[in-house]
């Protein structure tokens, strides 16, 4: 994915993304969502943050919020949608 936003590669954003991923790995979904909220407030065009928050929201039962985040992620980065949907392609 092309990174056109220098904010996305800032140490703060990278650290928050890492911390949120660690929360997810530990099952602390609500904490991860709070971190993703902070990330998207700092970098509102960071598709990966919306995608990850969408995954977290889905796990928390917020399916509407998850769908909104995934839609936003895919609008910001059509390549991300192709990458994700390609993982589910079934060969005949």
C-alpha atoms as a PDB file:
ATOM      1  CA  UNK A   1       0.000   0.000   0.000  1.00  0.00           C
ATOM      2  CA  UNK A   2       1.217   3.471  -0.847  1.00  0.00           C
ATOM      3  CA  UNK A   3       1.680   5.784   2.112  1.00  0.00           C
ATOM      4  CA  UNK A   4       0.791   9.300   0.976  1.00  0.00           C
ATOM      5  CA  UNK A   5       0.351  10.624   4.497  1.00  0.00           C
ATOM      6  CA  UNK A   6       3.517  11.225   6.502  1.00  0.00           C
ATOM      7  CA  UNK A   7       1.447  11.159   9.707  1.00  0.00           C
ATOM      8  CA  UNK A   8       0.800   7.449   9.158  1.00  0.00           C
ATOM      9  CA  UNK A   9       4.486   6.680   9.481  1.00  0.00           C
ATOM     10  CA  UNK A  10       5.018   8.833  12.561  1.00  0.00           C
ATOM     11  CA  UNK A  11       6.446   7.104  15.628  1.00  0.00           C
ATOM     12  CA  UNK A  12       3.299   7.931  17.599  1.00  0.00           C
ATOM     13  CA  UNK A  13       0.995   6.279  15.042  1.00  0.00           C
ATOM     14  CA  UNK A  14       3.293   3.274  14.704  1.00  0.00           C
ATOM     15  CA  UNK A  15       3.424   2.862  18.495  1.00  0.00           C
ATOM     16  CA  UNK A  16      -0.346   3.160  18.844  1.00  0.00           C
ATOM     17  CA  UNK A  17      -0.890   0.610  16.061  1.00  0.00           C
ATOM     18  CA  UNK A  18       1.503  -1.788  17.796  1.00  0.00           C
ATOM     19  CA  UNK A  19      -0.130  -1.266  21.190  1.00  0.00           C
ATOM     20  CA  UNK A  20      -3.600  -1.789  19.709  1.00  0.00           C
ATOM     21  CA  UNK A  21      -2.433  -5.006  18.032  1.00  0.00           C
ATOM     22  CA  UNK A  22      -1.058  -6.222  21.373  1.00  0.00           C
ATOM     23  CA  UNK A  23      -4.384  -5.454  23.036  1.00  0.00           C
ATOM     24  CA  UNK A  24      -6.162  -7.451  20.346  1.00  0.00           C
ATOM     25  CA  UNK A  25      -3.777 -10.364  20.841  1.00  0.00           C
ATOM     26  CA  UNK A  26      -4.538 -10.296  24.581  1.00  0.00           C
ATOM     27  CA  UNK A  27      -8.297 -10.147  24.006  1.00  0.00           C
ATOM     28  CA  UNK A  28      -8.553  -6.548  25.239  1.00  0.00           C
ATOM     29  CA  UNK A  29     -10.780  -5.500  22.357  1.00  0.00           C
ATOM     30  CA  UNK A  30     -12.277  -2.425  24.034  1.00  0.00           C
ATOM     31  CA  UNK A  31      -8.808  -1.057  24.808  1.00  0.00           C
ATOM     32  CA  UNK A  32      -7.754  -1.679  21.200  1.00  0.00           C
ATOM     33  CA  UNK A  33     -10.811   0.192  19.931  1.00  0.00           C
ATOM     34  CA  UNK A  34      -9.884   3.201  22.073  1.00  0.00           C
ATOM     35  CA  UNK A  35      -6.400   3.190  20.574  1.00  0.00           C
ATOM     36  CA  UNK A  36      -7.742   2.897  17.036  1.00  0.00           C
ATOM     37  CA  UNK A  37     -10.097   5.798  17.826  1.00  0.00           C
ATOM     38  CA  UNK A  38      -7.052   7.893  18.742  1.00  0.00           C
ATOM     39  CA  UNK A  39      -5.209   6.835  15.585  1.00  0.00           C
ATOM     40  CA  UNK A  40      -8.051   7.788  13.250  1.00  0.00           C
ATOM     41  CA  UNK A  41      -8.420  11.109  15.067  1.00  0.00           C
ATOM     42  CA  UNK A  42      -4.737  11.806  14.335  1.00  0.00           C
ATOM     43  CA  UNK A  43      -4.627  10.315  10.822  1.00  0.00           C
ATOM     44  CA  UNK A  44      -8.144  10.422   9.418  1.00  0.00           C
ATOM     45  CA  UNK A  45      -7.094   8.986   6.063  1.00  0.00           C
ATOM     46  CA  UNK A  46      -5.195   5.958   7.378  1.00  0.00           C
ATOM     47  CA  UNK A  47      -7.067   3.038   5.831  1.00  0.00           C
ATOM     48  CA  UNK A  48      -5.294   0.343   7.856  1.00  0.00           C
ATOM     49  CA  UNK A  49      -6.439   1.939  11.132  1.00  0.00           C
ATOM     50  CA  UNK A  50     -10.068   1.906   9.971  1.00  0.00           C
ATOM     51  CA  UNK A  51      -9.696  -1.691   8.837  1.00  0.00           C
ATOM     52  CA  UNK A  52      -8.228  -2.805  12.160  1.00  0.00           C
ATOM     53  CA  UNK A  53     -10.817  -0.872  14.163  1.00  0.00           C
ATOM     54  CA  UNK A  54     -13.498  -2.491  12.023  1.00  0.00           C
ATOM     55  CA  UNK A  55     -12.146  -5.923  12.921  1.00  0.00           C
ATOM     56  CA  UNK A  56     -12.109  -4.971  16.600  1.00  0.00           C
ATOM     57  CA  UNK A  57     -15.623  -3.548  16.466  1.00  0.00           C
ATOM     58  CA  UNK A  58     -16.843  -6.740  14.809  1.00  0.00           C
ATOM     59  CA  UNK A  59     -15.366  -8.807  17.631  1.00  0.00           C
ATOM     60  CA  UNK A  60     -17.001  -6.538  20.201  1.00  0.00           C
ATOM     61  CA  UNK A  61     -20.409  -7.034  18.582  1.00  0.00           C
ATOM     62  CA  UNK A  62     -20.646  -3.582  17.013  1.00  0.00           C
ATOM     63  CA  UNK A  63     -21.384  -4.853  13.517  1.00  0.00           C
ATOM     64  CA  UNK A  64     -22.724  -1.549  12.213  1.00  0.00           C
ATOM     65  CA  UNK A  65     -19.580   0.271  13.354  1.00  0.00           C
ATOM     66  CA  UNK A  66     -17.451  -2.490  11.872  1.00  0.00           C
ATOM     67  CA  UNK A  67     -19.180  -2.184   8.511  1.00  0.00           C
ATOM     68  CA  UNK A  68     -18.741   1.600   8.520  1.00  0.00           C
ATOM     69  CA  UNK A  69     -15.034   1.275   9.309  1.00  0.00           C
ATOM     70  CA  UNK A  70     -14.438  -1.363   6.650  1.00  0.00           C
ATOM     71  CA  UNK A  71     -16.292   0.692   4.063  1.00  0.00           C
ATOM     72  CA  UNK A  72     -14.176   3.735   4.960  1.00  0.00           C
ATOM     73  CA  UNK A  73     -10.965   1.681   4.800  1.00  0.00           C
ATOM     74  CA  UNK A  74     -11.825   0.333   1.359  1.00  0.00           C
ATOM     75  CA  UNK A  75     -12.806   3.779   0.055  1.00  0.00           C
ATOM     76  CA  UNK A  76      -9.494   5.182   1.242  1.00  0.00           C
ATOM     77  CA  UNK A  77      -7.503   2.271  -0.149  1.00  0.00           C
ATOM     78  CA  UNK A  78      -9.094   0.137  -2.870  1.00  0.00           C
ATOM     79  CA  UNK A  79      -5.885  -1.923  -2.890  1.00  0.00           C
ATOM     80  CA  UNK A  80      -6.636  -2.960   0.691  1.00  0.00           C
ATOM     81  CA  UNK A  81     -10.016  -4.352  -0.331  1.00  0.00           C
ATOM     82  CA  UNK A  82      -8.427  -6.399  -3.097  1.00  0.00           C
ATOM     83  CA  UNK A  83      -5.798  -7.670  -0.656  1.00  0.00           C
ATOM     84  CA  UNK A  84      -8.390  -8.672   1.925  1.00  0.00           C
ATOM     85  CA  UNK A  85     -10.982 -10.182  -0.402  1.00  0.00           C
ATOM     86  CA  UNK A  86      -8.257 -12.076  -2.224  1.00  0.00           C
ATOM     87  CA  UNK A  87      -7.627 -14.016   0.973  1.00  0.00           C
ATOM     88  CA  UNK A  88     -11.075 -15.571   0.674  1.00  0.00           C
ATOM     89  CA  UNK A  89     -10.940 -16.600  -2.955  1.00  0.00           C
ATOM     90  CA  UNK A  90     -11.848 -20.246  -3.312  1.00  0.00           C
ATOM     91  CA  UNK A  91     -10.262 -22.155  -6.172  1.00  0.00           C
ATOM     92  CA  UNK A  92     -12.499 -24.576  -8.009  1.00  0.00           C
END
